[in-house]
Amino acid sequence: MINRIFLDHPAKVDETFFEHMAFAGKFSGKLFLAGGAALVHAFVPCLFEKTASKIIAELYAKTHNRGA
């Protein structure tokens, strides 16, 4: 049960539990920044015109072909 919940998925992407936690934590922080930039852009369109899309493209490149 512990393996299934905490270890199976990180192993599928060739990471330990803590490596996966660090990766997912950084990923989450960048998504938060992208969301904030998009929200500001919604109200002031001249600000952060490409910030959110650049962050999303960067995250996609890092996760594409990582495994399951």
PDB file of N, CA and C in Angstrom:
ATOM      1  N   MET A   1       0.827  -1.202   0.000  1.00  0.00           N
ATOM      2  CA  MET A   1       0.000   0.000   0.000  1.00  0.00           C
ATOM      3  C   MET A   1       0.870   1.264   0.000  1.00  0.00           C
ATOM      4  N   ILE A   2       1.879   1.311   0.871  1.00  0.00           N
ATOM      5  CA  ILE A   2       2.776   2.471   0.931  1.00  0.00           C
ATOM      6  C   ILE A   2       3.486   2.649  -0.417  1.00  0.00           C
ATOM      7  N   ASN A   3       3.966   1.556  -0.967  1.00  0.00           N
ATOM      8  CA  ASN A   3       4.626   1.639  -2.273  1.00  0.00           C
ATOM      9  C   ASN A   3       3.701   2.202  -3.326  1.00  0.00           C
ATOM     10  N   ARG A   4       2.481   1.702  -3.359  1.00  0.00           N
ATOM     11  CA  ARG A   4       1.531   2.148  -4.376  1.00  0.00           C
ATOM     12  C   ARG A   4       1.241   3.640  -4.249  1.00  0.00           C
ATOM     13  N   ILE A   5       1.092   4.116  -3.044  1.00  0.00           N
ATOM     14  CA  ILE A   5       0.723   5.511  -2.820  1.00  0.00           C
ATOM     15  C   ILE A   5       1.903   6.460  -3.018  1.00  0.00           C
ATOM     16  N   PHE A   6       3.069   6.103  -2.496  1.00  0.00           N
ATOM     17  CA  PHE A   6       4.182   7.046  -2.455  1.00  0.00           C
ATOM     18  C   PHE A   6       5.345   6.757  -3.396  1.00  0.00           C
ATOM     19  N   LEU A   7       5.518   5.522  -3.824  1.00  0.00           N
ATOM     20  CA  LEU A   7       6.747   5.188  -4.534  1.00  0.00           C
ATOM     21  C   LEU A   7       6.569   4.753  -5.980  1.00  0.00           C
ATOM     22  N   ASP A   8       5.442   4.204  -6.338  1.00  0.00           N
ATOM     23  CA  ASP A   8       5.261   3.671  -7.695  1.00  0.00           C
ATOM     24  C   ASP A   8       5.409   4.747  -8.770  1.00  0.00           C
ATOM     25  N   HIS A   9       4.705   5.835  -8.628  1.00  0.00           N
ATOM     26  CA  HIS A   9       4.769   6.865  -9.668  1.00  0.00           C
ATOM     27  C   HIS A   9       6.165   7.486  -9.791  1.00  0.00           C
ATOM     28  N   PRO A  10       6.809   7.910  -8.686  1.00  0.00           N
ATOM     29  CA  PRO A  10       8.170   8.441  -8.837  1.00  0.00           C
ATOM     30  C   PRO A  10       9.115   7.447  -9.537  1.00  0.00           C
ATOM     31  N   ALA A  11       8.971   6.171  -9.228  1.00  0.00           N
ATOM     32  CA  ALA A  11       9.817   5.157  -9.874  1.00  0.00           C
ATOM     33  C   ALA A  11       9.568   5.101 -11.380  1.00  0.00           C
ATOM     34  N   LYS A  12       8.328   5.316 -11.792  1.00  0.00           N
ATOM     35  CA  LYS A  12       7.997   5.292 -13.222  1.00  0.00           C
ATOM     36  C   LYS A  12       8.703   6.399 -13.990  1.00  0.00           C
ATOM     37  N   VAL A  13       9.030   7.496 -13.331  1.00  0.00           N
ATOM     38  CA  VAL A  13       9.749   8.598 -13.987  1.00  0.00           C
ATOM     39  C   VAL A  13      11.205   8.636 -13.521  1.00  0.00           C
ATOM     40  N   ASP A  14      11.670   7.483 -12.986  1.00  0.00           N
ATOM     41  CA  ASP A  14      13.064   7.294 -12.590  1.00  0.00           C
ATOM     42  C   ASP A  14      13.528   8.319 -11.557  1.00  0.00           C
ATOM     43  N   GLU A  15      12.712   8.505 -10.522  1.00  0.00           N
ATOM     44  CA  GLU A  15      13.052   9.413  -9.432  1.00  0.00           C
ATOM     45  C   GLU A  15      12.762   8.743  -8.099  1.00  0.00           C
ATOM     46  N   THR A  16      13.435   9.220  -7.066  1.00  0.00           N
ATOM     47  CA  THR A  16      13.086   8.795  -5.719  1.00  0.00           C
ATOM     48  C   THR A  16      11.873   9.619  -5.279  1.00  0.00           C
ATOM     49  N   PHE A  17      11.320   9.281  -4.134  1.00  0.00           N
ATOM     50  CA  PHE A  17      10.192  10.033  -3.606  1.00  0.00           C
ATOM     51  C   PHE A  17      10.559  11.505  -3.412  1.00  0.00           C
ATOM     52  N   PHE A  18      11.744  11.758  -2.838  1.00  0.00           N
ATOM     53  CA  PHE A  18      12.145  13.139  -2.546  1.00  0.00           C
ATOM     54  C   PHE A  18      12.538  13.906  -3.808  1.00  0.00           C
ATOM     55  N   GLU A  19      13.137  13.245  -4.774  1.00  0.00           N
ATOM     56  CA  GLU A  19      13.422  13.898  -6.058  1.00  0.00           C
ATOM     57  C   GLU A  19      12.119  14.311  -6.733  1.00  0.00           C
ATOM     58  N   HIS A  20      11.144  13.407  -6.674  1.00  0.00           N
ATOM     59  CA  HIS A  20       9.849  13.714  -7.274  1.00  0.00           C
ATOM     60  C   HIS A  20       9.139  14.845  -6.528  1.00  0.00           C
ATOM     61  N   MET A  21       9.260  14.842  -5.212  1.00  0.00           N
ATOM     62  CA  MET A  21       8.650  15.899  -4.413  1.00  0.00           C
ATOM     63  C   MET A  21       9.252  17.255  -4.790  1.00  0.00           C
ATOM     64  N   ALA A  22      10.574  17.309  -4.935  1.00  0.00           N
ATOM     65  CA  ALA A  22      11.239  18.561  -5.306  1.00  0.00           C
ATOM     66  C   ALA A  22      10.815  19.015  -6.703  1.00  0.00           C
ATOM     67  N   PHE A  23      10.780  18.088  -7.652  1.00  0.00           N
ATOM     68  CA  PHE A  23      10.377  18.430  -9.012  1.00  0.00           C
ATOM     69  C   PHE A  23       8.939  18.958  -9.030  1.00  0.00           C
ATOM     70  N   ALA A  24       8.045  18.237  -8.376  1.00  0.00           N
ATOM     71  CA  ALA A  24       6.636  18.631  -8.355  1.00  0.00           C
ATOM     72  C   ALA A  24       6.438  19.951  -7.613  1.00  0.00           C
ATOM     73  N   GLY A  25       7.203  20.174  -6.566  1.00  0.00           N
ATOM     74  CA  GLY A  25       7.112  21.437  -5.829  1.00  0.00           C
ATOM     75  C   GLY A  25       7.540  22.619  -6.681  1.00  0.00           C
ATOM     76  N   LYS A  26       8.664  22.475  -7.401  1.00  0.00           N
ATOM     77  CA  LYS A  26       9.116  23.543  -8.304  1.00  0.00           C
ATOM     78  C   LYS A  26       8.106  23.760  -9.423  1.00  0.00           C
ATOM     79  N   PHE A  27       7.583  22.670  -9.958  1.00  0.00           N
ATOM     80  CA  PHE A  27       6.579  22.735 -11.021  1.00  0.00           C
ATOM     81  C   PHE A  27       5.358  23.517 -10.533  1.00  0.00           C
ATOM     82  N   SER A  28       4.904  23.202  -9.334  1.00  0.00           N
ATOM     83  CA  SER A  28       3.755  23.877  -8.744  1.00  0.00           C
ATOM     84  C   SER A  28       4.008  25.367  -8.583  1.00  0.00           C
ATOM     85  N   GLY A  29       5.197  25.723  -8.109  1.00  0.00           N
ATOM     86  CA  GLY A  29       5.543  27.134  -7.940  1.00  0.00           C
ATOM     87  C   GLY A  29       5.536  27.893  -9.256  1.00  0.00           C
ATOM     88  N   LYS A  30       6.061  27.256 -10.299  1.00  0.00           N
ATOM     89  CA  LYS A  30       6.072  27.909 -11.612  1.00  0.00           C
ATOM     90  C   LYS A  30       4.655  28.048 -12.165  1.00  0.00           C
ATOM     91  N   LEU A  31       3.811  27.053 -11.930  1.00  0.00           N
ATOM     92  CA  LEU A  31       2.414  27.172 -12.352  1.00  0.00           C
ATOM     93  C   LEU A  31       1.719  28.320 -11.620  1.00  0.00           C
ATOM     94  N   PHE A  32       2.029  28.458 -10.340  1.00  0.00           N
ATOM     95  CA  PHE A  32       1.470  29.552  -9.540  1.00  0.00           C
ATOM     96  C   PHE A  32       1.894  30.901 -10.127  1.00  0.00           C
ATOM     97  N   LEU A  33       3.182  31.036 -10.483  1.00  0.00           N
ATOM     98  CA  LEU A  33       3.670  32.273 -11.099  1.00  0.00           C
ATOM     99  C   LEU A  33       2.985  32.527 -12.447  1.00  0.00           C
ATOM    100  N   ALA A  34       2.831  31.478 -13.237  1.00  0.00           N
ATOM    101  CA  ALA A  34       2.167  31.625 -14.536  1.00  0.00           C
ATOM    102  C   ALA A  34       0.725  32.079 -14.337  1.00  0.00           C
ATOM    103  N   GLY A  35       0.049  31.509 -13.366  1.00  0.00           N
ATOM    104  CA  GLY A  35      -1.328  31.904 -13.076  1.00  0.00           C
ATOM    105  C   GLY A  35      -1.421  33.345 -12.620  1.00  0.00           C
ATOM    106  N   GLY A  36      -0.485  33.771 -11.783  1.00  0.00           N
ATOM    107  CA  GLY A  36      -0.458  35.164 -11.332  1.00  0.00           C
ATOM    108  C   GLY A  36      -0.214  36.118 -12.481  1.00  0.00           C
ATOM    109  N   ALA A  37       0.726  35.771 -13.356  1.00  0.00           N
ATOM    110  CA  ALA A  37       1.010  36.613 -14.525  1.00  0.00           C
ATOM    111  C   ALA A  37      -0.219  36.701 -15.431  1.00  0.00           C
ATOM    112  N   ALA A  38      -0.894  35.581 -15.620  1.00  0.00           N
ATOM    113  CA  ALA A  38      -2.094  35.566 -16.457  1.00  0.00           C
ATOM    114  C   ALA A  38      -3.205  36.412 -15.836  1.00  0.00           C
ATOM    115  N   LEU A  39      -3.325  36.363 -14.514  1.00  0.00           N
ATOM    116  CA  LEU A  39      -4.351  37.152 -13.838  1.00  0.00           C
ATOM    117  C   LEU A  39      -4.068  38.646 -13.976  1.00  0.00           C
ATOM    118  N   VAL A  40      -2.822  39.051 -13.771  1.00  0.00           N
ATOM    119  CA  VAL A  40      -2.464  40.460 -13.954  1.00  0.00           C
ATOM    120  C   VAL A  40      -2.715  40.871 -15.405  1.00  0.00           C
ATOM    121  N   HIS A  41      -2.314  40.012 -16.336  1.00  0.00           N
ATOM    122  CA  HIS A  41      -2.508  40.289 -17.757  1.00  0.00           C
ATOM    123  C   HIS A  41      -3.993  40.462 -18.103  1.00  0.00           C
ATOM    124  N   ALA A  42      -4.846  39.722 -17.427  1.00  0.00           N
ATOM    125  CA  ALA A  42      -6.286  39.833 -17.686  1.00  0.00           C
ATOM    126  C   ALA A  42      -6.797  41.242 -17.402  1.00  0.00           C
ATOM    127  N   PHE A  43      -6.237  41.881 -16.385  1.00  0.00           N
ATOM    128  CA  PHE A  43      -6.681  43.217 -16.008  1.00  0.00           C
ATOM    129  C   PHE A  43      -5.882  44.335 -16.669  1.00  0.00           C
ATOM    130  N   VAL A  44      -4.612  44.075 -16.952  1.00  0.00           N
ATOM    131  CA  VAL A  44      -3.746  45.075 -17.589  1.00  0.00           C
ATOM    132  C   VAL A  44      -3.042  44.377 -18.765  1.00  0.00           C
ATOM    133  N   PRO A  45      -3.690  44.338 -19.913  1.00  0.00           N
ATOM    134  CA  PRO A  45      -3.207  43.535 -21.035  1.00  0.00           C
ATOM    135  C   PRO A  45      -1.791  43.847 -21.520  1.00  0.00           C
ATOM    136  N   CYS A  46      -1.279  45.037 -21.258  1.00  0.00           N
ATOM    137  CA  CYS A  46       0.080  45.348 -21.718  1.00  0.00           C
ATOM    138  C   CYS A  46       1.152  44.725 -20.833  1.00  0.00           C
ATOM    139  N   LEU A  47       0.763  44.188 -19.685  1.00  0.00           N
ATOM    140  CA  LEU A  47       1.723  43.557 -18.777  1.00  0.00           C
ATOM    141  C   LEU A  47       1.734  42.041 -18.967  1.00  0.00           C
ATOM    142  N   PHE A  48       2.892  41.460 -18.842  1.00  0.00           N
ATOM    143  CA  PHE A  48       3.062  39.998 -18.881  1.00  0.00           C
ATOM    144  C   PHE A  48       2.415  39.368 -20.119  1.00  0.00           C
ATOM    145  N   GLU A  49       2.622  39.983 -21.269  1.00  0.00           N
ATOM    146  CA  GLU A  49       1.969  39.517 -22.500  1.00  0.00           C
ATOM    147  C   GLU A  49       2.310  38.075 -22.857  1.00  0.00           C
ATOM    148  N   LYS A  50       3.530  37.652 -22.615  1.00  0.00           N
ATOM    149  CA  LYS A  50       3.941  36.297 -22.999  1.00  0.00           C
ATOM    150  C   LYS A  50       4.473  35.478 -21.825  1.00  0.00           C
ATOM    151  N   THR A  51       4.421  36.026 -20.645  1.00  0.00           N
ATOM    152  CA  THR A  51       5.029  35.371 -19.482  1.00  0.00           C
ATOM    153  C   THR A  51       4.409  34.009 -19.193  1.00  0.00           C
ATOM    154  N   ALA A  52       3.101  33.944 -19.073  1.00  0.00           N
ATOM    155  CA  ALA A  52       2.443  32.678 -18.730  1.00  0.00           C
ATOM    156  C   ALA A  52       2.693  31.627 -19.801  1.00  0.00           C
ATOM    157  N   SER A  53       2.570  32.006 -21.064  1.00  0.00           N
ATOM    158  CA  SER A  53       2.766  31.018 -22.132  1.00  0.00           C
ATOM    159  C   SER A  53       4.209  30.532 -22.188  1.00  0.00           C
ATOM    160  N   LYS A  54       5.183  31.401 -21.890  1.00  0.00           N
ATOM    161  CA  LYS A  54       6.589  30.969 -21.850  1.00  0.00           C
ATOM    162  C   LYS A  54       6.821  29.969 -20.722  1.00  0.00           C
ATOM    163  N   ILE A  55       6.242  30.246 -19.565  1.00  0.00           N
ATOM    164  CA  ILE A  55       6.400  29.337 -18.430  1.00  0.00           C
ATOM    165  C   ILE A  55       5.769  27.987 -18.745  1.00  0.00           C
ATOM    166  N   ILE A  56       4.570  28.000 -19.329  1.00  0.00           N
ATOM    167  CA  ILE A  56       3.888  26.750 -19.665  1.00  0.00           C
ATOM    168  C   ILE A  56       4.695  25.958 -20.691  1.00  0.00           C
ATOM    169  N   ALA A  57       5.248  26.634 -21.695  1.00  0.00           N
ATOM    170  CA  ALA A  57       6.070  25.959 -22.709  1.00  0.00           C
ATOM    171  C   ALA A  57       7.312  25.335 -22.062  1.00  0.00           C
ATOM    172  N   GLU A  58       7.923  26.052 -21.128  1.00  0.00           N
ATOM    173  CA  GLU A  58       9.097  25.538 -20.411  1.00  0.00           C
ATOM    174  C   GLU A  58       8.740  24.293 -19.607  1.00  0.00           C
ATOM    175  N   LEU A  59       7.614  24.349 -18.909  1.00  0.00           N
ATOM    176  CA  LEU A  59       7.187  23.204 -18.108  1.00  0.00           C
ATOM    177  C   LEU A  59       6.844  22.014 -18.981  1.00  0.00           C
ATOM    178  N   TYR A  60       6.205  22.263 -20.112  1.00  0.00           N
ATOM    179  CA  TYR A  60       5.875  21.172 -21.034  1.00  0.00           C
ATOM    180  C   TYR A  60       7.158  20.499 -21.524  1.00  0.00           C
ATOM    181  N   ALA A  61       8.152  21.304 -21.895  1.00  0.00           N
ATOM    182  CA  ALA A  61       9.413  20.749 -22.384  1.00  0.00           C
ATOM    183  C   ALA A  61      10.089  19.888 -21.316  1.00  0.00           C
ATOM    184  N   LYS A  62       9.998  20.290 -20.052  1.00  0.00           N
ATOM    185  CA  LYS A  62      10.617  19.528 -18.967  1.00  0.00           C
ATOM    186  C   LYS A  62       9.882  18.227 -18.663  1.00  0.00           C
ATOM    187  N   THR A  63       8.578  18.192 -18.916  1.00  0.00           N
ATOM    188  CA  THR A  63       7.804  16.998 -18.572  1.00  0.00           C
ATOM    189  C   THR A  63       7.536  16.080 -19.752  1.00  0.00           C
ATOM    190  N   HIS A  64       7.677  16.572 -20.960  1.00  0.00           N
ATOM    191  CA  HIS A  64       7.411  15.757 -22.151  1.00  0.00           C
ATOM    192  C   HIS A  64       8.434  14.613 -22.213  1.00  0.00           C
ATOM    193  N   ASN A  65       7.962  13.442 -22.440  1.00  0.00           N
ATOM    194  CA  ASN A  65       8.814  12.243 -22.547  1.00  0.00           C
ATOM    195  C   ASN A  65       9.508  11.862 -21.238  1.00  0.00           C
ATOM    196  N   ARG A  66       8.902  12.170 -20.093  1.00  0.00           N
ATOM    197  CA  ARG A  66       9.481  11.811 -18.795  1.00  0.00           C
ATOM    198  C   ARG A  66       9.105  10.417 -18.337  1.00  0.00           C
ATOM    199  N   GLY A  67       8.232   9.780 -18.975  1.00  0.00           N
ATOM    200  CA  GLY A  67       7.747   8.478 -18.509  1.00  0.00           C
ATOM    201  C   GLY A  67       6.256   8.550 -18.273  1.00  0.00           C
ATOM    202  N   ALA A  68       5.757   7.691 -17.422  1.00  0.00           N
ATOM    203  CA  ALA A  68       4.311   7.608 -17.193  1.00  0.00           C
ATOM    204  C   ALA A  68       3.811   8.719 -16.318  1.00  0.00           C
TER     205      ALA A  68
END
